[in-house]
């Protein structure tokens, strides 16, 4: 049976409240950056040496690349790196970047931090700002917004040096302001602001349900029942926002999860096919090749 549990080691990053856990597999490792229990937020210099390897993390991340070149891979989609680029990562996103500028900034915060905010603001951040609708959240900012962002980051740093009891509420509020500025004034590759929040939330819930239930079902009817939305309404919303049917979205999520499994673990195709809800390995291989144009083994050779 497939499992992600096993031996791991913890390597603390200087005095950071976030650490790097290395998950050991049969023939390799995959690093995961984690927040130490009880921590909410950390502002850290971006370390290109760490991010140059394929990795994931269990917290939200705002990455500001002040100067850079090359390509950033997010969930197997490639984006050219540019100056004053903003990238937003949700827990579980798989990515890597080659960038050596020590002036770049990463702001990492946990789900617990969002829980300190009023529900409407927290949901806005989850569903509007960090929600991957079509493509990962990638943007660029001009010099004026960069100056404003620098000031707010200094506020964050100042708050983190203060040990008063209300510090977490202040940092949560400051993060919400930073994201409000970025969402409204940055130039986004893909912007969901034109759609109503309830519709965005349905897409979010739909994708989350797929993530946790692929082993059970590949049927749109199953997921519409699971999230409590009529199948016809789900179809109308996915078509409006993503231009895709629920079935096509399910297929895309199957391929994304399959690629993550192939990238993160040295496991046999049979185990992956079982984890993804296929009757047997040949059915999975046939599906994968139809959707990607290559077999799982051929994809793995490209990593």
C-alpha atoms as a PDB file:
ATOM      1  CA  UNK A   1       0.000   0.000   0.000  1.00  0.00           C
ATOM      2  CA  UNK A   2       1.259   3.457  -0.909  1.00  0.00           C
ATOM      3  CA  UNK A   3       2.351   5.628   1.990  1.00  0.00           C
ATOM      4  CA  UNK A   4       4.286   8.852   2.426  1.00  0.00           C
ATOM      5  CA  UNK A   5       5.361   8.012   5.945  1.00  0.00           C
ATOM      6  CA  UNK A   6       8.878   6.848   6.708  1.00  0.00           C
ATOM      7  CA  UNK A   7      12.264   7.980   7.944  1.00  0.00           C
ATOM      8  CA  UNK A   8      13.027  11.652   7.846  1.00  0.00           C
ATOM      9  CA  UNK A   9      15.494  14.064   9.249  1.00  0.00           C
ATOM     10  CA  UNK A  10      15.017  17.657  10.331  1.00  0.00           C
ATOM     11  CA  UNK A  11      17.483  20.363   9.409  1.00  0.00           C
ATOM     12  CA  UNK A  12      16.870  23.728  11.050  1.00  0.00           C
ATOM     13  CA  UNK A  13      17.538  26.809   8.918  1.00  0.00           C
ATOM     14  CA  UNK A  14      19.582  29.052  11.228  1.00  0.00           C
ATOM     15  CA  UNK A  15      17.128  30.374  13.856  1.00  0.00           C
ATOM     16  CA  UNK A  16      14.132  30.130  11.574  1.00  0.00           C
ATOM     17  CA  UNK A  17      10.849  28.817  12.920  1.00  0.00           C
ATOM     18  CA  UNK A  18      10.562  26.928   9.633  1.00  0.00           C
ATOM     19  CA  UNK A  19      12.642  23.869   8.936  1.00  0.00           C
ATOM     20  CA  UNK A  20      13.469  21.475   6.136  1.00  0.00           C
ATOM     21  CA  UNK A  21      12.326  17.884   6.459  1.00  0.00           C
ATOM     22  CA  UNK A  22      13.836  15.342   4.087  1.00  0.00           C
ATOM     23  CA  UNK A  23      11.508  12.479   3.202  1.00  0.00           C
ATOM     24  CA  UNK A  24      13.503   9.374   2.303  1.00  0.00           C
ATOM     25  CA  UNK A  25      12.211   7.077  -0.429  1.00  0.00           C
ATOM     26  CA  UNK A  26      13.657   3.872  -1.840  1.00  0.00           C
ATOM     27  CA  UNK A  27      16.023   5.525  -4.312  1.00  0.00           C
ATOM     28  CA  UNK A  28      15.955   9.191  -3.461  1.00  0.00           C
ATOM     29  CA  UNK A  29      14.632  12.015  -1.305  1.00  0.00           C
ATOM     30  CA  UNK A  30      12.183  14.864  -1.637  1.00  0.00           C
ATOM     31  CA  UNK A  31      12.571  17.868   0.666  1.00  0.00           C
ATOM     32  CA  UNK A  32       9.579  19.451   2.325  1.00  0.00           C
ATOM     33  CA  UNK A  33       9.730  22.776   4.134  1.00  0.00           C
ATOM     34  CA  UNK A  34       7.583  22.825   7.269  1.00  0.00           C
ATOM     35  CA  UNK A  35       6.571  25.307   9.916  1.00  0.00           C
ATOM     36  CA  UNK A  36       7.545  24.430  13.461  1.00  0.00           C
ATOM     37  CA  UNK A  37       4.556  23.736  15.673  1.00  0.00           C
ATOM     38  CA  UNK A  38       3.268  26.937  17.226  1.00  0.00           C
ATOM     39  CA  UNK A  39       4.795  29.271  14.630  1.00  0.00           C
ATOM     40  CA  UNK A  40       2.658  31.441  12.398  1.00  0.00           C
ATOM     41  CA  UNK A  41       4.860  33.518  10.121  1.00  0.00           C
ATOM     42  CA  UNK A  42       8.450  34.136   9.101  1.00  0.00           C
ATOM     43  CA  UNK A  43      10.113  36.629   6.742  1.00  0.00           C
ATOM     44  CA  UNK A  44      13.301  35.086   5.375  1.00  0.00           C
ATOM     45  CA  UNK A  45      15.852  35.880   2.669  1.00  0.00           C
ATOM     46  CA  UNK A  46      15.203  33.739  -0.361  1.00  0.00           C
ATOM     47  CA  UNK A  47      17.859  31.009  -0.539  1.00  0.00           C
ATOM     48  CA  UNK A  48      18.213  29.953  -4.181  1.00  0.00           C
ATOM     49  CA  UNK A  49      20.351  26.956  -3.265  1.00  0.00           C
ATOM     50  CA  UNK A  50      17.427  25.417  -1.398  1.00  0.00           C
ATOM     51  CA  UNK A  51      14.785  26.228  -4.002  1.00  0.00           C
ATOM     52  CA  UNK A  52      16.844  24.921  -6.937  1.00  0.00           C
ATOM     53  CA  UNK A  53      15.718  21.386  -6.084  1.00  0.00           C
ATOM     54  CA  UNK A  54      12.214  20.068  -6.574  1.00  0.00           C
ATOM     55  CA  UNK A  55      10.367  20.492  -3.288  1.00  0.00           C
ATOM     56  CA  UNK A  56       7.083  21.174  -1.565  1.00  0.00           C
ATOM     57  CA  UNK A  57       6.018  22.746   1.750  1.00  0.00           C
ATOM     58  CA  UNK A  58       3.139  22.705   4.208  1.00  0.00           C
ATOM     59  CA  UNK A  59       2.577  26.479   4.482  1.00  0.00           C
ATOM     60  CA  UNK A  60       1.606  29.427   2.301  1.00  0.00           C
ATOM     61  CA  UNK A  61       4.451  31.322   0.669  1.00  0.00           C
ATOM     62  CA  UNK A  62       4.775  34.771  -0.906  1.00  0.00           C
ATOM     63  CA  UNK A  63       7.984  34.831  -2.963  1.00  0.00           C
ATOM     64  CA  UNK A  64       9.249  38.173  -4.247  1.00  0.00           C
ATOM     65  CA  UNK A  65      11.995  37.780  -6.857  1.00  0.00           C
ATOM     66  CA  UNK A  66      13.570  41.206  -7.108  1.00  0.00           C
ATOM     67  CA  UNK A  67      15.991  40.290  -9.883  1.00  0.00           C
ATOM     68  CA  UNK A  68      16.325  37.020 -11.719  1.00  0.00           C
ATOM     69  CA  UNK A  69      16.336  35.029 -14.900  1.00  0.00           C
ATOM     70  CA  UNK A  70      15.625  31.465 -15.927  1.00  0.00           C
ATOM     71  CA  UNK A  71      12.502  29.378 -15.398  1.00  0.00           C
ATOM     72  CA  UNK A  72      10.327  28.646 -12.392  1.00  0.00           C
ATOM     73  CA  UNK A  73       8.427  25.356 -12.439  1.00  0.00           C
ATOM     74  CA  UNK A  74       5.161  25.256 -10.464  1.00  0.00           C
ATOM     75  CA  UNK A  75       3.195  22.014 -10.520  1.00  0.00           C
ATOM     76  CA  UNK A  76       4.976  21.173 -13.793  1.00  0.00           C
ATOM     77  CA  UNK A  77       4.056  24.455 -15.480  1.00  0.00           C
ATOM     78  CA  UNK A  78       7.046  26.601 -16.452  1.00  0.00           C
ATOM     79  CA  UNK A  79       7.141  30.383 -15.998  1.00  0.00           C
ATOM     80  CA  UNK A  80       9.973  32.692 -17.071  1.00  0.00           C
ATOM     81  CA  UNK A  81      11.571  34.494 -14.123  1.00  0.00           C
ATOM     82  CA  UNK A  82      11.532  38.286 -14.355  1.00  0.00           C
ATOM     83  CA  UNK A  83      12.478  41.249 -12.187  1.00  0.00           C
ATOM     84  CA  UNK A  84      10.004  42.236  -9.471  1.00  0.00           C
ATOM     85  CA  UNK A  85       8.060  39.008  -9.862  1.00  0.00           C
ATOM     86  CA  UNK A  86       5.581  37.798  -7.244  1.00  0.00           C
ATOM     87  CA  UNK A  87       4.803  34.096  -6.902  1.00  0.00           C
ATOM     88  CA  UNK A  88       2.249  32.664  -4.488  1.00  0.00           C
ATOM     89  CA  UNK A  89       2.387  29.062  -3.301  1.00  0.00           C
ATOM     90  CA  UNK A  90      -0.248  27.078  -1.442  1.00  0.00           C
ATOM     91  CA  UNK A  91       0.531  24.125   0.809  1.00  0.00           C
ATOM     92  CA  UNK A  92       1.369  21.096  -1.330  1.00  0.00           C
ATOM     93  CA  UNK A  93       2.478  22.946  -4.463  1.00  0.00           C
ATOM     94  CA  UNK A  94       5.468  21.238  -6.066  1.00  0.00           C
ATOM     95  CA  UNK A  95       8.063  23.612  -7.475  1.00  0.00           C
ATOM     96  CA  UNK A  96      11.668  24.537  -8.063  1.00  0.00           C
ATOM     97  CA  UNK A  97      13.495  27.679  -9.126  1.00  0.00           C
ATOM     98  CA  UNK A  98      17.069  28.613  -9.930  1.00  0.00           C
ATOM     99  CA  UNK A  99      17.660  32.068  -8.487  1.00  0.00           C
ATOM    100  CA  UNK A 100      20.695  33.260  -6.555  1.00  0.00           C
ATOM    101  CA  UNK A 101      19.821  36.853  -5.662  1.00  0.00           C
ATOM    102  CA  UNK A 102      20.111  37.144  -1.883  1.00  0.00           C
ATOM    103  CA  UNK A 103      17.904  40.259  -1.878  1.00  0.00           C
ATOM    104  CA  UNK A 104      14.830  38.221  -2.809  1.00  0.00           C
ATOM    105  CA  UNK A 105      12.282  37.800  -0.035  1.00  0.00           C
ATOM    106  CA  UNK A 106      10.085  34.885   1.037  1.00  0.00           C
ATOM    107  CA  UNK A 107       7.171  35.379   3.437  1.00  0.00           C
ATOM    108  CA  UNK A 108       5.996  32.049   4.830  1.00  0.00           C
ATOM    109  CA  UNK A 109       2.863  31.700   6.957  1.00  0.00           C
ATOM    110  CA  UNK A 110       0.676  28.895   8.213  1.00  0.00           C
ATOM    111  CA  UNK A 111      -3.008  28.087   7.914  1.00  0.00           C
ATOM    112  CA  UNK A 112      -3.260  28.919  11.624  1.00  0.00           C
ATOM    113  CA  UNK A 113      -2.394  32.526  10.817  1.00  0.00           C
ATOM    114  CA  UNK A 114      -5.352  32.765   8.435  1.00  0.00           C
ATOM    115  CA  UNK A 115      -7.603  31.377  11.157  1.00  0.00           C
ATOM    116  CA  UNK A 116      -6.868  34.485  13.235  1.00  0.00           C
ATOM    117  CA  UNK A 117      -8.521  36.676  10.581  1.00  0.00           C
ATOM    118  CA  UNK A 118     -12.263  37.308  10.136  1.00  0.00           C
ATOM    119  CA  UNK A 119     -13.832  34.530   8.036  1.00  0.00           C
ATOM    120  CA  UNK A 120     -14.509  36.719   4.997  1.00  0.00           C
ATOM    121  CA  UNK A 121     -10.917  37.949   4.825  1.00  0.00           C
ATOM    122  CA  UNK A 122      -9.455  34.477   5.370  1.00  0.00           C
ATOM    123  CA  UNK A 123     -11.712  33.020   2.674  1.00  0.00           C
ATOM    124  CA  UNK A 124     -10.774  35.848   0.294  1.00  0.00           C
ATOM    125  CA  UNK A 125      -7.105  34.953   0.751  1.00  0.00           C
ATOM    126  CA  UNK A 126      -7.676  31.212   0.301  1.00  0.00           C
ATOM    127  CA  UNK A 127     -10.116  31.336  -2.618  1.00  0.00           C
ATOM    128  CA  UNK A 128      -9.270  34.549  -4.473  1.00  0.00           C
ATOM    129  CA  UNK A 129      -5.585  35.129  -3.834  1.00  0.00           C
ATOM    130  CA  UNK A 130      -3.976  31.707  -3.469  1.00  0.00           C
ATOM    131  CA  UNK A 131      -6.528  29.563  -5.299  1.00  0.00           C
ATOM    132  CA  UNK A 132      -5.025  28.026  -8.444  1.00  0.00           C
ATOM    133  CA  UNK A 133      -7.693  28.834 -11.032  1.00  0.00           C
ATOM    134  CA  UNK A 134      -6.256  27.632 -14.316  1.00  0.00           C
ATOM    135  CA  UNK A 135      -2.650  28.698 -13.668  1.00  0.00           C
ATOM    136  CA  UNK A 136      -0.646  29.295 -10.475  1.00  0.00           C
ATOM    137  CA  UNK A 137      -0.720  32.875  -9.088  1.00  0.00           C
ATOM    138  CA  UNK A 138       2.188  34.694 -10.755  1.00  0.00           C
ATOM    139  CA  UNK A 139       2.468  38.492 -11.104  1.00  0.00           C
ATOM    140  CA  UNK A 140       4.847  41.403 -11.619  1.00  0.00           C
ATOM    141  CA  UNK A 141       4.943  44.725  -9.766  1.00  0.00           C
ATOM    142  CA  UNK A 142       6.243  48.150 -10.746  1.00  0.00           C
ATOM    143  CA  UNK A 143       8.763  50.234  -8.777  1.00  0.00           C
ATOM    144  CA  UNK A 144       6.033  52.115  -6.903  1.00  0.00           C
ATOM    145  CA  UNK A 145       4.373  48.938  -5.608  1.00  0.00           C
ATOM    146  CA  UNK A 146       7.807  47.486  -4.854  1.00  0.00           C
ATOM    147  CA  UNK A 147       8.489  50.455  -2.575  1.00  0.00           C
ATOM    148  CA  UNK A 148       5.137  50.024  -0.821  1.00  0.00           C
ATOM    149  CA  UNK A 149       5.775  46.300  -0.417  1.00  0.00           C
ATOM    150  CA  UNK A 150       9.202  47.003   1.089  1.00  0.00           C
ATOM    151  CA  UNK A 151       7.630  49.250   3.713  1.00  0.00           C
ATOM    152  CA  UNK A 152       5.059  46.647   4.718  1.00  0.00           C
ATOM    153  CA  UNK A 153       7.727  43.967   4.951  1.00  0.00           C
ATOM    154  CA  UNK A 154       9.632  46.227   7.333  1.00  0.00           C
ATOM    155  CA  UNK A 155       6.439  46.470   9.394  1.00  0.00           C
ATOM    156  CA  UNK A 156       6.254  42.669   9.454  1.00  0.00           C
ATOM    157  CA  UNK A 157       9.864  42.397  10.584  1.00  0.00           C
ATOM    158  CA  UNK A 158       9.245  44.925  13.313  1.00  0.00           C
ATOM    159  CA  UNK A 159       6.189  43.023  14.516  1.00  0.00           C
ATOM    160  CA  UNK A 160       8.113  39.760  14.600  1.00  0.00           C
ATOM    161  CA  UNK A 161      10.668  41.342  16.907  1.00  0.00           C
ATOM    162  CA  UNK A 162       7.875  42.274  19.299  1.00  0.00           C
ATOM    163  CA  UNK A 163       6.863  39.516  21.706  1.00  0.00           C
ATOM    164  CA  UNK A 164       3.553  40.950  22.944  1.00  0.00           C
ATOM    165  CA  UNK A 165       0.517  38.669  23.192  1.00  0.00           C
ATOM    166  CA  UNK A 166      -1.318  40.282  20.282  1.00  0.00           C
ATOM    167  CA  UNK A 167       1.585  39.862  17.840  1.00  0.00           C
ATOM    168  CA  UNK A 168      -0.041  37.080  15.805  1.00  0.00           C
ATOM    169  CA  UNK A 169      -3.207  39.110  15.223  1.00  0.00           C
ATOM    170  CA  UNK A 170      -1.129  42.072  14.064  1.00  0.00           C
ATOM    171  CA  UNK A 171       0.934  39.968  11.677  1.00  0.00           C
ATOM    172  CA  UNK A 172      -2.214  38.348  10.277  1.00  0.00           C
ATOM    173  CA  UNK A 173      -3.735  41.769   9.621  1.00  0.00           C
ATOM    174  CA  UNK A 174      -0.497  42.979   8.003  1.00  0.00           C
ATOM    175  CA  UNK A 175      -0.356  39.941   5.708  1.00  0.00           C
ATOM    176  CA  UNK A 176      -3.927  40.644   4.593  1.00  0.00           C
ATOM    177  CA  UNK A 177      -2.973  44.241   3.735  1.00  0.00           C
ATOM    178  CA  UNK A 178       0.076  43.098   1.742  1.00  0.00           C
ATOM    179  CA  UNK A 179      -2.028  40.629  -0.225  1.00  0.00           C
ATOM    180  CA  UNK A 180      -4.708  43.273  -0.829  1.00  0.00           C
ATOM    181  CA  UNK A 181      -2.091  45.620  -2.289  1.00  0.00           C
ATOM    182  CA  UNK A 182      -0.627  42.865  -4.470  1.00  0.00           C
ATOM    183  CA  UNK A 183      -3.977  41.555  -5.672  1.00  0.00           C
ATOM    184  CA  UNK A 184      -5.237  44.979  -6.707  1.00  0.00           C
ATOM    185  CA  UNK A 185      -2.053  46.575  -8.067  1.00  0.00           C
ATOM    186  CA  UNK A 186       0.171  43.781  -9.417  1.00  0.00           C
ATOM    187  CA  UNK A 187      -0.138  42.559 -13.005  1.00  0.00           C
ATOM    188  CA  UNK A 188      -1.334  38.963 -12.692  1.00  0.00           C
ATOM    189  CA  UNK A 189      -0.859  36.185 -15.235  1.00  0.00           C
ATOM    190  CA  UNK A 190      -4.311  34.925 -14.314  1.00  0.00           C
ATOM    191  CA  UNK A 191      -6.809  36.957 -12.316  1.00  0.00           C
ATOM    192  CA  UNK A 192      -9.918  35.515 -10.666  1.00  0.00           C
ATOM    193  CA  UNK A 193     -11.205  38.878  -9.419  1.00  0.00           C
ATOM    194  CA  UNK A 194     -13.817  39.052 -12.195  1.00  0.00           C
ATOM    195  CA  UNK A 195     -15.713  36.118 -10.673  1.00  0.00           C
ATOM    196  CA  UNK A 196     -17.941  36.005  -7.620  1.00  0.00           C
ATOM    197  CA  UNK A 197     -16.426  34.561  -4.436  1.00  0.00           C
ATOM    198  CA  UNK A 198     -19.116  31.834  -4.007  1.00  0.00           C
ATOM    199  CA  UNK A 199     -18.291  30.506  -7.480  1.00  0.00           C
ATOM    200  CA  UNK A 200     -14.553  30.563  -6.798  1.00  0.00           C
ATOM    201  CA  UNK A 201     -15.195  28.697  -3.539  1.00  0.00           C
ATOM    202  CA  UNK A 202     -17.113  25.987  -5.405  1.00  0.00           C
ATOM    203  CA  UNK A 203     -14.130  25.500  -7.744  1.00  0.00           C
ATOM    204  CA  UNK A 204     -11.831  25.379  -4.706  1.00  0.00           C
ATOM    205  CA  UNK A 205     -14.033  22.826  -2.915  1.00  0.00           C
ATOM    206  CA  UNK A 206     -14.358  20.773  -6.119  1.00  0.00           C
ATOM    207  CA  UNK A 207     -10.573  20.568  -6.566  1.00  0.00           C
ATOM    208  CA  UNK A 208     -10.024  19.760  -2.897  1.00  0.00           C
ATOM    209  CA  UNK A 209     -12.582  16.973  -3.076  1.00  0.00           C
ATOM    210  CA  UNK A 210     -10.818  15.542  -6.142  1.00  0.00           C
ATOM    211  CA  UNK A 211      -7.498  15.702  -4.310  1.00  0.00           C
ATOM    212  CA  UNK A 212      -8.798  13.575  -1.436  1.00  0.00           C
ATOM    213  CA  UNK A 213     -11.152  11.231  -3.302  1.00  0.00           C
ATOM    214  CA  UNK A 214      -9.472  10.219  -6.553  1.00  0.00           C
ATOM    215  CA  UNK A 215      -9.022   6.701  -5.258  1.00  0.00           C
ATOM    216  CA  UNK A 216     -12.797   6.464  -4.755  1.00  0.00           C
ATOM    217  CA  UNK A 217     -14.188   7.937  -7.958  1.00  0.00           C
ATOM    218  CA  UNK A 218     -13.494   9.736 -11.233  1.00  0.00           C
ATOM    219  CA  UNK A 219     -17.170  10.624 -11.722  1.00  0.00           C
ATOM    220  CA  UNK A 220     -18.414  14.261 -11.792  1.00  0.00           C
ATOM    221  CA  UNK A 221     -21.643  13.072 -10.159  1.00  0.00           C
ATOM    222  CA  UNK A 222     -19.714  11.794  -7.133  1.00  0.00           C
ATOM    223  CA  UNK A 223     -17.953  15.134  -6.625  1.00  0.00           C
ATOM    224  CA  UNK A 224     -21.066  17.245  -7.111  1.00  0.00           C
ATOM    225  CA  UNK A 225     -22.719  15.221  -4.328  1.00  0.00           C
ATOM    226  CA  UNK A 226     -19.624  15.432  -2.137  1.00  0.00           C
ATOM    227  CA  UNK A 227     -19.493  19.241  -2.224  1.00  0.00           C
ATOM    228  CA  UNK A 228     -23.290  19.660  -2.178  1.00  0.00           C
ATOM    229  CA  UNK A 229     -23.684  21.321  -5.591  1.00  0.00           C
ATOM    230  CA  UNK A 230     -26.027  20.161  -8.350  1.00  0.00           C
ATOM    231  CA  UNK A 231     -24.152  18.566 -11.247  1.00  0.00           C
ATOM    232  CA  UNK A 232     -25.686  21.010 -13.739  1.00  0.00           C
ATOM    233  CA  UNK A 233     -24.619  23.986 -11.589  1.00  0.00           C
ATOM    234  CA  UNK A 234     -21.089  22.605 -11.224  1.00  0.00           C
ATOM    235  CA  UNK A 235     -20.863  22.227 -15.002  1.00  0.00           C
ATOM    236  CA  UNK A 236     -22.066  25.796 -15.555  1.00  0.00           C
ATOM    237  CA  UNK A 237     -19.530  27.237 -13.072  1.00  0.00           C
ATOM    238  CA  UNK A 238     -16.513  25.265 -14.330  1.00  0.00           C
ATOM    239  CA  UNK A 239     -17.368  26.210 -17.915  1.00  0.00           C
ATOM    240  CA  UNK A 240     -17.748  29.888 -16.981  1.00  0.00           C
ATOM    241  CA  UNK A 241     -14.581  30.202 -14.926  1.00  0.00           C
ATOM    242  CA  UNK A 242     -12.202  27.637 -16.413  1.00  0.00           C
ATOM    243  CA  UNK A 243     -13.760  26.899 -19.787  1.00  0.00           C
ATOM    244  CA  UNK A 244     -13.633  23.200 -18.888  1.00  0.00           C
ATOM    245  CA  UNK A 245     -16.127  20.491 -17.987  1.00  0.00           C
ATOM    246  CA  UNK A 246     -15.925  18.845 -14.543  1.00  0.00           C
ATOM    247  CA  UNK A 247     -14.743  15.630 -16.222  1.00  0.00           C
ATOM    248  CA  UNK A 248     -11.861  17.438 -17.912  1.00  0.00           C
ATOM    249  CA  UNK A 249     -10.862  19.046 -14.599  1.00  0.00           C
ATOM    250  CA  UNK A 250     -10.914  15.636 -12.916  1.00  0.00           C
ATOM    251  CA  UNK A 251      -8.654  14.264 -15.664  1.00  0.00           C
ATOM    252  CA  UNK A 252      -6.248  17.180 -15.245  1.00  0.00           C
ATOM    253  CA  UNK A 253      -6.111  16.648 -11.479  1.00  0.00           C
ATOM    254  CA  UNK A 254      -5.424  12.922 -12.025  1.00  0.00           C
ATOM    255  CA  UNK A 255      -2.485  13.786 -14.264  1.00  0.00           C
ATOM    256  CA  UNK A 256      -1.144  16.401 -11.831  1.00  0.00           C
ATOM    257  CA  UNK A 257      -1.286  13.990  -8.896  1.00  0.00           C
ATOM    258  CA  UNK A 258       0.268  11.244 -11.020  1.00  0.00           C
ATOM    259  CA  UNK A 259       3.152  13.545 -11.956  1.00  0.00           C
ATOM    260  CA  UNK A 260       3.693  14.457  -8.310  1.00  0.00           C
ATOM    261  CA  UNK A 261       3.802  10.805  -7.336  1.00  0.00           C
ATOM    262  CA  UNK A 262       6.218  10.039 -10.143  1.00  0.00           C
ATOM    263  CA  UNK A 263       8.415  12.986  -9.116  1.00  0.00           C
ATOM    264  CA  UNK A 264       8.365  12.471  -5.369  1.00  0.00           C
ATOM    265  CA  UNK A 265       8.581   8.714  -4.979  1.00  0.00           C
ATOM    266  CA  UNK A 266      10.355   5.705  -6.403  1.00  0.00           C
ATOM    267  CA  UNK A 267       7.260   3.500  -6.491  1.00  0.00           C
ATOM    268  CA  UNK A 268       6.001   1.082  -9.086  1.00  0.00           C
ATOM    269  CA  UNK A 269       3.326   2.031 -11.617  1.00  0.00           C
ATOM    270  CA  UNK A 270       0.923  -0.504 -10.127  1.00  0.00           C
ATOM    271  CA  UNK A 271       0.958   1.313  -6.761  1.00  0.00           C
ATOM    272  CA  UNK A 272       0.359   4.689  -8.440  1.00  0.00           C
ATOM    273  CA  UNK A 273      -2.546   3.308 -10.470  1.00  0.00           C
ATOM    274  CA  UNK A 274      -4.138   1.942  -7.277  1.00  0.00           C
ATOM    275  CA  UNK A 275      -3.661   5.228  -5.443  1.00  0.00           C
ATOM    276  CA  UNK A 276      -5.360   7.094  -8.308  1.00  0.00           C
ATOM    277  CA  UNK A 277      -8.340   4.739  -8.510  1.00  0.00           C
ATOM    278  CA  UNK A 278      -7.566   2.800 -11.698  1.00  0.00           C
ATOM    279  CA  UNK A 279      -8.555  -0.841 -12.080  1.00  0.00           C
ATOM    280  CA  UNK A 280      -5.018  -1.840 -13.027  1.00  0.00           C
ATOM    281  CA  UNK A 281      -1.691  -0.446 -14.244  1.00  0.00           C
ATOM    282  CA  UNK A 282      -2.397  -0.839 -18.011  1.00  0.00           C
ATOM    283  CA  UNK A 283      -5.528   1.331 -17.708  1.00  0.00           C
ATOM    284  CA  UNK A 284      -3.517   4.026 -15.899  1.00  0.00           C
ATOM    285  CA  UNK A 285      -0.666   3.932 -18.453  1.00  0.00           C
ATOM    286  CA  UNK A 286      -3.147   4.194 -21.338  1.00  0.00           C
ATOM    287  CA  UNK A 287      -4.912   7.145 -19.686  1.00  0.00           C
ATOM    288  CA  UNK A 288      -1.639   8.925 -18.883  1.00  0.00           C
ATOM    289  CA  UNK A 289      -0.361   8.569 -22.449  1.00  0.00           C
ATOM    290  CA  UNK A 290      -3.662   9.771 -23.910  1.00  0.00           C
ATOM    291  CA  UNK A 291      -3.607  12.893 -21.733  1.00  0.00           C
ATOM    292  CA  UNK A 292       0.119  13.732 -21.943  1.00  0.00           C
ATOM    293  CA  UNK A 293       1.432  12.083 -25.101  1.00  0.00           C
ATOM    294  CA  UNK A 294       3.958  10.022 -23.156  1.00  0.00           C
ATOM    295  CA  UNK A 295       4.025   7.042 -20.834  1.00  0.00           C
ATOM    296  CA  UNK A 296       4.656   7.493 -17.088  1.00  0.00           C
ATOM    297  CA  UNK A 297       8.162   6.071 -17.540  1.00  0.00           C
ATOM    298  CA  UNK A 298       8.902   8.516 -20.354  1.00  0.00           C
ATOM    299  CA  UNK A 299       7.657  11.417 -18.205  1.00  0.00           C
ATOM    300  CA  UNK A 300       9.882  10.364 -15.326  1.00  0.00           C
ATOM    301  CA  UNK A 301      12.901  10.465 -17.640  1.00  0.00           C
ATOM    302  CA  UNK A 302      12.194  14.186 -18.261  1.00  0.00           C
ATOM    303  CA  UNK A 303      12.510  15.128 -14.582  1.00  0.00           C
END
